[in-house]
Amino acid sequence: MMYNPREEGQGLVEYALILVLVAVVVIVVLAVLGPLVANVFAQINTALVNANAS
């Protein structure tokens, strides 16, 4: 009788590791780019307020 290991759990762990890696990358990108994006929206808001005030 041959030993036939089940490898289904291994694939699940690999997918979980990839998901965690993607989540970490997204969090880092948002932490770095978040203030830049907020600054752009603040400039747009200021421009709109100044255009309406004129």
PDB file of N, CA and C in Angstrom:
ATOM      1  N   MET A   1       0.836  -1.176   0.000  1.00  0.00           N
ATOM      2  CA  MET A   1       0.000   0.000   0.000  1.00  0.00           C
ATOM      3  C   MET A   1       0.887   1.248   0.000  1.00  0.00           C
ATOM      4  N   MET A   2       0.625   2.164  -0.929  1.00  0.00           N
ATOM      5  CA  MET A   2       1.439   3.374  -1.050  1.00  0.00           C
ATOM      6  C   MET A   2       0.840   4.486  -0.189  1.00  0.00           C
ATOM      7  N   TYR A   3       1.731   5.306   0.300  1.00  0.00           N
ATOM      8  CA  TYR A   3       1.305   6.448   1.120  1.00  0.00           C
ATOM      9  C   TYR A   3       0.928   7.591   0.191  1.00  0.00           C
ATOM     10  N   ASN A   4      -0.268   8.117   0.304  1.00  0.00           N
ATOM     11  CA  ASN A   4      -0.743   9.201  -0.549  1.00  0.00           C
ATOM     12  C   ASN A   4      -1.101  10.392   0.335  1.00  0.00           C
ATOM     13  N   PRO A   5      -0.152  11.309   0.524  1.00  0.00           N
ATOM     14  CA  PRO A   5      -0.446  12.454   1.400  1.00  0.00           C
ATOM     15  C   PRO A   5      -1.447  13.406   0.756  1.00  0.00           C
ATOM     16  N   ARG A   6      -2.235  14.031   1.586  1.00  0.00           N
ATOM     17  CA  ARG A   6      -3.189  15.033   1.107  1.00  0.00           C
ATOM     18  C   ARG A   6      -2.532  16.403   1.182  1.00  0.00           C
ATOM     19  N   GLU A   7      -2.552  17.113   0.068  1.00  0.00           N
ATOM     20  CA  GLU A   7      -1.870  18.400  -0.005  1.00  0.00           C
ATOM     21  C   GLU A   7      -2.849  19.566  -0.092  1.00  0.00           C
ATOM     22  N   GLU A   8      -4.097  19.361   0.253  1.00  0.00           N
ATOM     23  CA  GLU A   8      -5.082  20.425   0.144  1.00  0.00           C
ATOM     24  C   GLU A   8      -4.821  21.541   1.142  1.00  0.00           C
ATOM     25  N   GLY A   9      -4.385  21.204   2.328  1.00  0.00           N
ATOM     26  CA  GLY A   9      -4.107  22.215   3.342  1.00  0.00           C
ATOM     27  C   GLY A   9      -2.938  23.095   2.968  1.00  0.00           C
ATOM     28  N   GLN A  10      -1.970  22.546   2.266  1.00  0.00           N
ATOM     29  CA  GLN A  10      -0.812  23.321   1.845  1.00  0.00           C
ATOM     30  C   GLN A  10      -1.224  24.441   0.898  1.00  0.00           C
ATOM     31  N   GLY A  11      -2.102  24.159  -0.047  1.00  0.00           N
ATOM     32  CA  GLY A  11      -2.568  25.192  -0.981  1.00  0.00           C
ATOM     33  C   GLY A  11      -3.304  26.295  -0.256  1.00  0.00           C
ATOM     34  N   LEU A  12      -4.102  25.933   0.735  1.00  0.00           N
ATOM     35  CA  LEU A  12      -4.846  26.926   1.505  1.00  0.00           C
ATOM     36  C   LEU A  12      -3.897  27.846   2.256  1.00  0.00           C
ATOM     37  N   VAL A  13      -2.846  27.299   2.821  1.00  0.00           N
ATOM     38  CA  VAL A  13      -1.860  28.118   3.538  1.00  0.00           C
ATOM     39  C   VAL A  13      -1.154  29.059   2.577  1.00  0.00           C
ATOM     40  N   GLU A  14      -0.833  28.579   1.383  1.00  0.00           N
ATOM     41  CA  GLU A  14      -0.169  29.440   0.400  1.00  0.00           C
ATOM     42  C   GLU A  14      -1.067  30.601  -0.011  1.00  0.00           C
ATOM     43  N   TYR A  15      -2.349  30.321  -0.246  1.00  0.00           N
ATOM     44  CA  TYR A  15      -3.283  31.396  -0.590  1.00  0.00           C
ATOM     45  C   TYR A  15      -3.429  32.389   0.566  1.00  0.00           C
ATOM     46  N   ALA A  16      -3.438  31.901   1.781  1.00  0.00           N
ATOM     47  CA  ALA A  16      -3.537  32.792   2.937  1.00  0.00           C
ATOM     48  C   ALA A  16      -2.303  33.688   3.037  1.00  0.00           C
ATOM     49  N   LEU A  17      -1.126  33.135   2.781  1.00  0.00           N
ATOM     50  CA  LEU A  17       0.100  33.942   2.818  1.00  0.00           C
ATOM     51  C   LEU A  17       0.092  35.004   1.734  1.00  0.00           C
ATOM     52  N   ILE A  18      -0.372  34.647   0.545  1.00  0.00           N
ATOM     53  CA  ILE A  18      -0.456  35.634  -0.540  1.00  0.00           C
ATOM     54  C   ILE A  18      -1.438  36.732  -0.164  1.00  0.00           C
ATOM     55  N   LEU A  19      -2.579  36.360   0.419  1.00  0.00           N
ATOM     56  CA  LEU A  19      -3.578  37.347   0.828  1.00  0.00           C
ATOM     57  C   LEU A  19      -3.019  38.296   1.880  1.00  0.00           C
ATOM     58  N   VAL A  20      -2.282  37.767   2.840  1.00  0.00           N
ATOM     59  CA  VAL A  20      -1.666  38.605   3.874  1.00  0.00           C
ATOM     60  C   VAL A  20      -0.636  39.539   3.245  1.00  0.00           C
ATOM     61  N   LEU A  21       0.163  39.037   2.311  1.00  0.00           N
ATOM     62  CA  LEU A  21       1.162  39.873   1.650  1.00  0.00           C
ATOM     63  C   LEU A  21       0.500  41.011   0.881  1.00  0.00           C
ATOM     64  N   VAL A  22      -0.567  40.712   0.155  1.00  0.00           N
ATOM     65  CA  VAL A  22      -1.285  41.754  -0.589  1.00  0.00           C
ATOM     66  C   VAL A  22      -1.870  42.782   0.370  1.00  0.00           C
ATOM     67  N   ALA A  23      -2.419  42.331   1.487  1.00  0.00           N
ATOM     68  CA  ALA A  23      -2.996  43.258   2.464  1.00  0.00           C
ATOM     69  C   ALA A  23      -1.923  44.173   3.040  1.00  0.00           C
ATOM     70  N   VAL A  24      -0.757  43.641   3.331  1.00  0.00           N
ATOM     71  CA  VAL A  24       0.332  44.459   3.875  1.00  0.00           C
ATOM     72  C   VAL A  24       0.778  45.492   2.848  1.00  0.00           C
ATOM     73  N   VAL A  25       0.887  45.086   1.588  1.00  0.00           N
ATOM     74  CA  VAL A  25       1.293  46.022   0.535  1.00  0.00           C
ATOM     75  C   VAL A  25       0.267  47.136   0.388  1.00  0.00           C
ATOM     76  N   VAL A  26      -1.011  46.788   0.409  1.00  0.00           N
ATOM     77  CA  VAL A  26      -2.060  47.807   0.287  1.00  0.00           C
ATOM     78  C   VAL A  26      -2.016  48.774   1.462  1.00  0.00           C
ATOM     79  N   ILE A  27      -1.818  48.278   2.660  1.00  0.00           N
ATOM     80  CA  ILE A  27      -1.753  49.151   3.839  1.00  0.00           C
ATOM     81  C   ILE A  27      -0.560  50.093   3.748  1.00  0.00           C
ATOM     82  N   VAL A  28       0.586  49.591   3.314  1.00  0.00           N
ATOM     83  CA  VAL A  28       1.779  50.439   3.184  1.00  0.00           C
ATOM     84  C   VAL A  28       1.565  51.506   2.116  1.00  0.00           C
ATOM     85  N   VAL A  29       0.990  51.118   0.978  1.00  0.00           N
ATOM     86  CA  VAL A  29       0.752  52.085  -0.098  1.00  0.00           C
ATOM     87  C   VAL A  29      -0.218  53.162   0.365  1.00  0.00           C
ATOM     88  N   LEU A  30      -1.284  52.770   1.063  1.00  0.00           N
ATOM     89  CA  LEU A  30      -2.234  53.766   1.562  1.00  0.00           C
ATOM     90  C   LEU A  30      -1.600  54.674   2.610  1.00  0.00           C
ATOM     91  N   ALA A  31      -0.728  54.129   3.439  1.00  0.00           N
ATOM     92  CA  ALA A  31      -0.071  54.954   4.452  1.00  0.00           C
ATOM     93  C   ALA A  31       0.863  55.964   3.808  1.00  0.00           C
ATOM     94  N   VAL A  32       1.504  55.571   2.714  1.00  0.00           N
ATOM     95  CA  VAL A  32       2.445  56.477   2.043  1.00  0.00           C
ATOM     96  C   VAL A  32       1.703  57.494   1.187  1.00  0.00           C
ATOM     97  N   LEU A  33       0.725  57.039   0.421  1.00  0.00           N
ATOM     98  CA  LEU A  33       0.048  57.923  -0.534  1.00  0.00           C
ATOM     99  C   LEU A  33      -1.167  58.633   0.053  1.00  0.00           C
ATOM    100  N   GLY A  34      -1.629  58.219   1.208  1.00  0.00           N
ATOM    101  CA  GLY A  34      -2.817  58.826   1.810  1.00  0.00           C
ATOM    102  C   GLY A  34      -2.719  60.329   1.986  1.00  0.00           C
ATOM    103  N   PRO A  35      -1.655  60.838   2.610  1.00  0.00           N
ATOM    104  CA  PRO A  35      -1.538  62.287   2.764  1.00  0.00           C
ATOM    105  C   PRO A  35      -1.433  63.032   1.434  1.00  0.00           C
ATOM    106  N   LEU A  36      -0.806  62.430   0.446  1.00  0.00           N
ATOM    107  CA  LEU A  36      -0.706  63.075  -0.868  1.00  0.00           C
ATOM    108  C   LEU A  36      -2.080  63.205  -1.519  1.00  0.00           C
ATOM    109  N   VAL A  37      -2.876  62.150  -1.435  1.00  0.00           N
ATOM    110  CA  VAL A  37      -4.223  62.176  -2.005  1.00  0.00           C
ATOM    111  C   VAL A  37      -5.090  63.171  -1.240  1.00  0.00           C
ATOM    112  N   ALA A  38      -4.975  63.219   0.061  1.00  0.00           N
ATOM    113  CA  ALA A  38      -5.740  64.172   0.863  1.00  0.00           C
ATOM    114  C   ALA A  38      -5.367  65.602   0.498  1.00  0.00           C
ATOM    115  N   ASN A  39      -4.081  65.835   0.227  1.00  0.00           N
ATOM    116  CA  ASN A  39      -3.632  67.169  -0.170  1.00  0.00           C
ATOM    117  C   ASN A  39      -4.239  67.570  -1.514  1.00  0.00           C
ATOM    118  N   VAL A  40      -4.302  66.649  -2.455  1.00  0.00           N
ATOM    119  CA  VAL A  40      -4.901  66.943  -3.767  1.00  0.00           C
ATOM    120  C   VAL A  40      -6.366  67.316  -3.601  1.00  0.00           C
ATOM    121  N   PHE A  41      -7.110  66.539  -2.793  1.00  0.00           N
ATOM    122  CA  PHE A  41      -8.522  66.851  -2.583  1.00  0.00           C
ATOM    123  C   PHE A  41      -8.695  68.179  -1.854  1.00  0.00           C
ATOM    124  N   ALA A  42      -7.805  68.506  -0.945  1.00  0.00           N
ATOM    125  CA  ALA A  42      -7.883  69.797  -0.257  1.00  0.00           C
ATOM    126  C   ALA A  42      -7.649  70.947  -1.231  1.00  0.00           C
ATOM    127  N   GLN A  43      -6.720  70.777  -2.142  1.00  0.00           N
ATOM    128  CA  GLN A  43      -6.472  71.821  -3.158  1.00  0.00           C
ATOM    129  C   GLN A  43      -7.665  71.987  -4.085  1.00  0.00           C
ATOM    130  N   ILE A  44      -8.293  70.879  -4.464  1.00  0.00           N
ATOM    131  CA  ILE A  44      -9.491  70.953  -5.320  1.00  0.00           C
ATOM    132  C   ILE A  44     -10.610  71.653  -4.567  1.00  0.00           C
ATOM    133  N   ASN A  45     -10.788  71.321  -3.304  1.00  0.00           N
ATOM    134  CA  ASN A  45     -11.839  71.950  -2.493  1.00  0.00           C
ATOM    135  C   ASN A  45     -11.581  73.451  -2.368  1.00  0.00           C
ATOM    136  N   THR A  46     -10.345  73.830  -2.119  1.00  0.00           N
ATOM    137  CA  THR A  46     -10.009  75.251  -2.004  1.00  0.00           C
ATOM    138  C   THR A  46     -10.280  75.982  -3.323  1.00  0.00           C
ATOM    139  N   ALA A  47      -9.925  75.378  -4.426  1.00  0.00           N
ATOM    140  CA  ALA A  47     -10.162  75.996  -5.722  1.00  0.00           C
ATOM    141  C   ALA A  47     -11.657  76.159  -5.998  1.00  0.00           C
ATOM    142  N   LEU A  48     -12.451  75.167  -5.619  1.00  0.00           N
ATOM    143  CA  LEU A  48     -13.889  75.273  -5.824  1.00  0.00           C
ATOM    144  C   LEU A  48     -14.510  76.345  -4.939  1.00  0.00           C
ATOM    145  N   VAL A  49     -14.062  76.436  -3.702  1.00  0.00           N
ATOM    146  CA  VAL A  49     -14.582  77.448  -2.781  1.00  0.00           C
ATOM    147  C   VAL A  49     -14.219  78.847  -3.291  1.00  0.00           C
ATOM    148  N   ASN A  50     -12.978  79.004  -3.740  1.00  0.00           N
ATOM    149  CA  ASN A  50     -12.549  80.315  -4.271  1.00  0.00           C
ATOM    150  C   ASN A  50     -13.294  80.663  -5.555  1.00  0.00           C
ATOM    151  N   ALA A  51     -13.603  79.675  -6.388  1.00  0.00           N
ATOM    152  CA  ALA A  51     -14.335  79.942  -7.621  1.00  0.00           C
ATOM    153  C   ALA A  51     -15.781  80.360  -7.323  1.00  0.00           C
ATOM    154  N   ASN A  52     -16.379  79.763  -6.308  1.00  0.00           N
ATOM    155  CA  ASN A  52     -17.742  80.145  -5.933  1.00  0.00           C
ATOM    156  C   ASN A  52     -17.801  81.494  -5.241  1.00  0.00           C
ATOM    157  N   ALA A  53     -16.727  81.881  -4.584  1.00  0.00           N
ATOM    158  CA  ALA A  53     -16.698  83.150  -3.851  1.00  0.00           C
ATOM    159  C   ALA A  53     -16.534  84.331  -4.819  1.00  0.00           C
ATOM    160  N   SER A  54     -15.999  84.085  -5.978  1.00  0.00           N
ATOM    161  CA  SER A  54     -15.751  85.171  -6.945  1.00  0.00           C
ATOM    162  C   SER A  54     -16.998  85.638  -7.632  1.00  0.00           C
TER     163      SER A  54
END
